[in-house]
């Protein structure tokens, strides 16, 4: 892939993303829903703060571990290594929030997030898998797309497991 076609792919991605966001905004306005998200309750805010605290601690530990490993091995991953730590800490925060019902606000079901995550998952793996399969023929930081795809896949899996668990608990309570 030449430099020009790479930038054309990014331009196409940003164009499709912009069109997608405009369509979502139009649908929300047409349905009379407010474009602003509703507030989280106090319990959700406390859980979100706690999850960010854990994510921050994990990020600091990862960066320390990463720098020690890079110094010992002499192989530097640069920004891709740092972004892996950011994705790991984001995964921790998101998983904790989803599992403790603090990820979505009170009035949201998360359908729009799920649809956008599926769209981004396809694009991330489209650009990230070639970086895994043949690292010499890709750009040095294309691996970051793979990291983002794994994070999106993890988010979708946790949302599915949590909704299945909640449905199951609701069925048990109704007996």
Protein backbone atom coordinates (compact mmCIF):
# COMPACT_ATOMS: atom_id res chain seq x y z
CA UNK A 1 0.00 0.00 0.00
CA UNK A 2 1.51 3.33 -1.02
CA UNK A 3 1.59 6.41 1.16
CA UNK A 4 -1.09 8.07 -1.00
CA UNK A 5 -3.51 5.14 -0.78
CA UNK A 6 -2.97 4.94 2.97
CA UNK A 7 -4.02 8.58 3.37
CA UNK A 8 -6.96 8.02 1.03
CA UNK A 9 -8.11 5.15 3.27
CA UNK A 10 -7.90 7.37 6.32
CA UNK A 11 -9.78 10.12 4.52
CA UNK A 12 -12.48 7.64 3.49
CA UNK A 13 -12.74 6.36 7.07
CA UNK A 14 -13.11 9.87 8.48
CA UNK A 15 -15.71 10.71 5.82
CA UNK A 16 -17.78 7.62 6.60
CA UNK A 17 -17.47 8.30 10.34
CA UNK A 18 -18.62 11.90 9.88
CA UNK A 19 -21.60 10.82 7.78
CA UNK A 20 -22.47 8.18 10.39
CA UNK A 21 -22.38 10.74 13.21
CA UNK A 22 -24.51 13.20 11.22
CA UNK A 23 -27.10 10.47 10.59
CA UNK A 24 -27.20 9.63 14.31
CA UNK A 25 -27.65 13.32 15.19
CA UNK A 26 -30.47 13.72 12.66
CA UNK A 27 -32.27 10.61 13.91
CA UNK A 28 -31.98 11.77 17.53
CA UNK A 29 -33.30 15.23 16.72
CA UNK A 30 -36.11 13.80 14.59
CA UNK A 31 -37.18 11.40 17.34
CA UNK A 32 -37.25 14.27 19.82
CA UNK A 33 -34.47 12.89 21.97
CA UNK A 34 -32.05 15.31 23.47
CA UNK A 35 -28.57 15.18 21.93
CA UNK A 36 -27.05 15.62 25.39
CA UNK A 37 -26.67 12.53 27.57
CA UNK A 38 -28.68 12.25 30.75
CA UNK A 39 -26.94 12.48 34.06
CA UNK A 40 -25.54 9.57 35.99
CA UNK A 41 -26.74 8.98 39.52
CA UNK A 42 -24.44 9.24 42.54
CA UNK A 43 -23.76 5.51 42.74
CA UNK A 44 -22.70 5.43 39.11
CA UNK A 45 -20.43 8.44 39.56
CA UNK A 46 -18.71 6.79 42.53
CA UNK A 47 -18.19 3.55 40.61
CA UNK A 48 -16.82 5.44 37.60
CA UNK A 49 -14.39 7.34 39.82
CA UNK A 50 -13.24 4.09 41.41
CA UNK A 51 -12.75 2.43 38.03
CA UNK A 52 -10.72 5.39 36.75
CA UNK A 53 -8.56 5.14 39.87
CA UNK A 54 -7.82 1.47 39.14
CA UNK A 55 -7.19 2.21 35.46
CA UNK A 56 -4.73 4.98 36.36
CA UNK A 57 -2.84 2.69 38.74
CA UNK A 58 -2.66 -0.04 36.09
CA UNK A 59 -1.41 2.46 33.51
CA UNK A 60 1.37 3.63 35.81
CA UNK A 61 2.38 0.04 36.59
CA UNK A 62 2.28 -0.89 32.90
CA UNK A 63 4.46 2.07 31.91
CA UNK A 64 6.96 1.19 34.61
CA UNK A 65 6.99 -2.47 33.56
CA UNK A 66 7.22 -1.54 29.87
CA UNK A 67 10.16 0.81 30.40
CA UNK A 68 12.06 -1.81 32.43
CA UNK A 69 11.45 -4.49 29.78
CA UNK A 70 12.49 -2.13 26.98
CA UNK A 71 15.69 -1.21 28.83
CA UNK A 72 16.54 -4.85 29.51
CA UNK A 73 15.85 -6.10 25.99
CA UNK A 74 16.93 -3.04 24.02
CA UNK A 75 13.84 -3.31 21.82
CA UNK A 76 11.80 -0.14 21.88
CA UNK A 77 8.20 -0.15 20.74
CA UNK A 78 7.74 3.59 21.07
CA UNK A 79 4.23 5.00 20.89
CA UNK A 80 2.72 1.60 20.04
CA UNK A 81 3.94 0.22 23.38
CA UNK A 82 2.57 3.19 25.29
CA UNK A 83 -0.77 2.98 23.49
CA UNK A 84 -1.03 -0.69 24.45
CA UNK A 85 -0.86 0.40 28.09
CA UNK A 86 -3.50 3.04 27.51
CA UNK A 87 -5.79 0.44 25.89
CA UNK A 88 -5.23 -1.98 28.78
CA UNK A 89 -6.11 0.67 31.37
CA UNK A 90 -9.15 1.74 29.34
CA UNK A 91 -10.27 -1.89 29.21
CA UNK A 92 -10.04 -2.14 33.00
CA UNK A 93 -12.07 1.04 33.52
CA UNK A 94 -14.70 0.07 30.96
CA UNK A 95 -15.08 -3.50 32.22
CA UNK A 96 -15.51 -2.33 35.81
CA UNK A 97 -18.08 0.27 34.78
CA UNK A 98 -20.05 -2.18 32.63
CA UNK A 99 -20.01 -4.90 35.26
CA UNK A 100 -21.21 -2.57 38.02
CA UNK A 101 -23.90 -0.90 35.85
CA UNK A 102 -22.13 2.47 35.65
CA UNK A 103 -21.22 2.54 31.97
CA UNK A 104 -24.54 3.67 30.54
CA UNK A 105 -26.67 6.37 32.07
CA UNK A 106 -30.07 5.58 33.53
CA UNK A 107 -32.05 6.10 30.33
CA UNK A 108 -29.65 4.52 27.84
CA UNK A 109 -29.66 0.97 26.52
CA UNK A 110 -26.35 1.24 24.68
CA UNK A 111 -27.65 0.24 21.26
CA UNK A 112 -25.98 3.14 19.46
CA UNK A 113 -22.67 2.38 21.18
CA UNK A 114 -22.93 -1.26 20.18
CA UNK A 115 -23.62 -0.40 16.55
CA UNK A 116 -20.75 2.10 16.40
CA UNK A 117 -18.40 -0.38 18.12
CA UNK A 118 -19.24 -3.05 15.53
CA UNK A 119 -18.51 -0.57 12.74
CA UNK A 120 -15.21 0.48 14.34
CA UNK A 121 -14.33 -3.14 15.10
CA UNK A 122 -14.52 -4.02 11.42
CA UNK A 123 -12.36 -1.04 10.44
CA UNK A 124 -9.82 -1.64 13.22
CA UNK A 125 -9.32 -5.27 12.28
CA UNK A 126 -9.24 -4.38 8.57
CA UNK A 127 -6.25 -2.12 9.22
CA UNK A 128 -4.77 -4.00 12.19
CA UNK A 129 -4.68 -7.63 11.07
CA UNK A 130 -2.23 -6.96 8.19
CA UNK A 131 0.13 -5.48 10.78
CA UNK A 132 0.04 -8.76 12.70
CA UNK A 133 0.33 -11.03 9.66
CA UNK A 134 3.12 -9.18 7.85
CA UNK A 135 4.72 -6.44 9.97
CA UNK A 136 7.28 -5.53 7.26
CA UNK A 137 4.68 -4.46 4.70
CA UNK A 138 2.68 -2.20 7.00
CA UNK A 139 3.26 1.13 8.65
CA UNK A 140 5.03 0.92 12.01
CA UNK A 141 2.03 1.98 14.07
CA UNK A 142 -0.64 -0.05 12.26
CA UNK A 143 -0.55 -2.45 15.22
CA UNK A 144 -2.45 0.23 17.17
CA UNK A 145 -5.53 -0.50 15.03
CA UNK A 146 -5.31 -4.13 16.13
CA UNK A 147 -5.13 -3.01 19.78
CA UNK A 148 -8.23 -0.84 19.28
CA UNK A 149 -10.05 -3.73 17.60
CA UNK A 150 -9.29 -6.04 20.52
CA UNK A 151 -10.53 -3.36 22.94
CA UNK A 152 -13.77 -2.93 20.95
CA UNK A 153 -14.25 -6.70 20.79
CA UNK A 154 -13.72 -6.93 24.55
CA UNK A 155 -16.25 -4.15 25.18
CA UNK A 156 -18.85 -5.86 23.00
CA UNK A 157 -18.24 -9.22 24.69
CA UNK A 158 -18.58 -7.76 28.19
CA UNK A 159 -21.76 -5.90 27.23
CA UNK A 160 -23.22 -9.14 25.83
CA UNK A 161 -22.26 -11.19 28.90
CA UNK A 162 -23.59 -8.54 31.28
CA UNK A 163 -26.90 -8.22 29.44
CA UNK A 164 -27.26 -12.01 29.38
CA UNK A 165 -26.51 -12.15 33.12
CA UNK A 166 -29.02 -9.37 33.87
CA UNK A 167 -31.70 -11.06 31.78
CA UNK A 168 -31.07 -14.33 33.55
CA UNK A 169 -31.31 -12.70 36.99
CA UNK A 170 -34.55 -11.01 35.96
CA UNK A 171 -35.97 -14.38 34.89
CA UNK A 172 -34.96 -15.95 38.22
CA UNK A 173 -36.58 -13.09 40.16
CA UNK A 174 -39.82 -13.47 38.25
CA UNK A 175 -40.17 -17.10 39.38
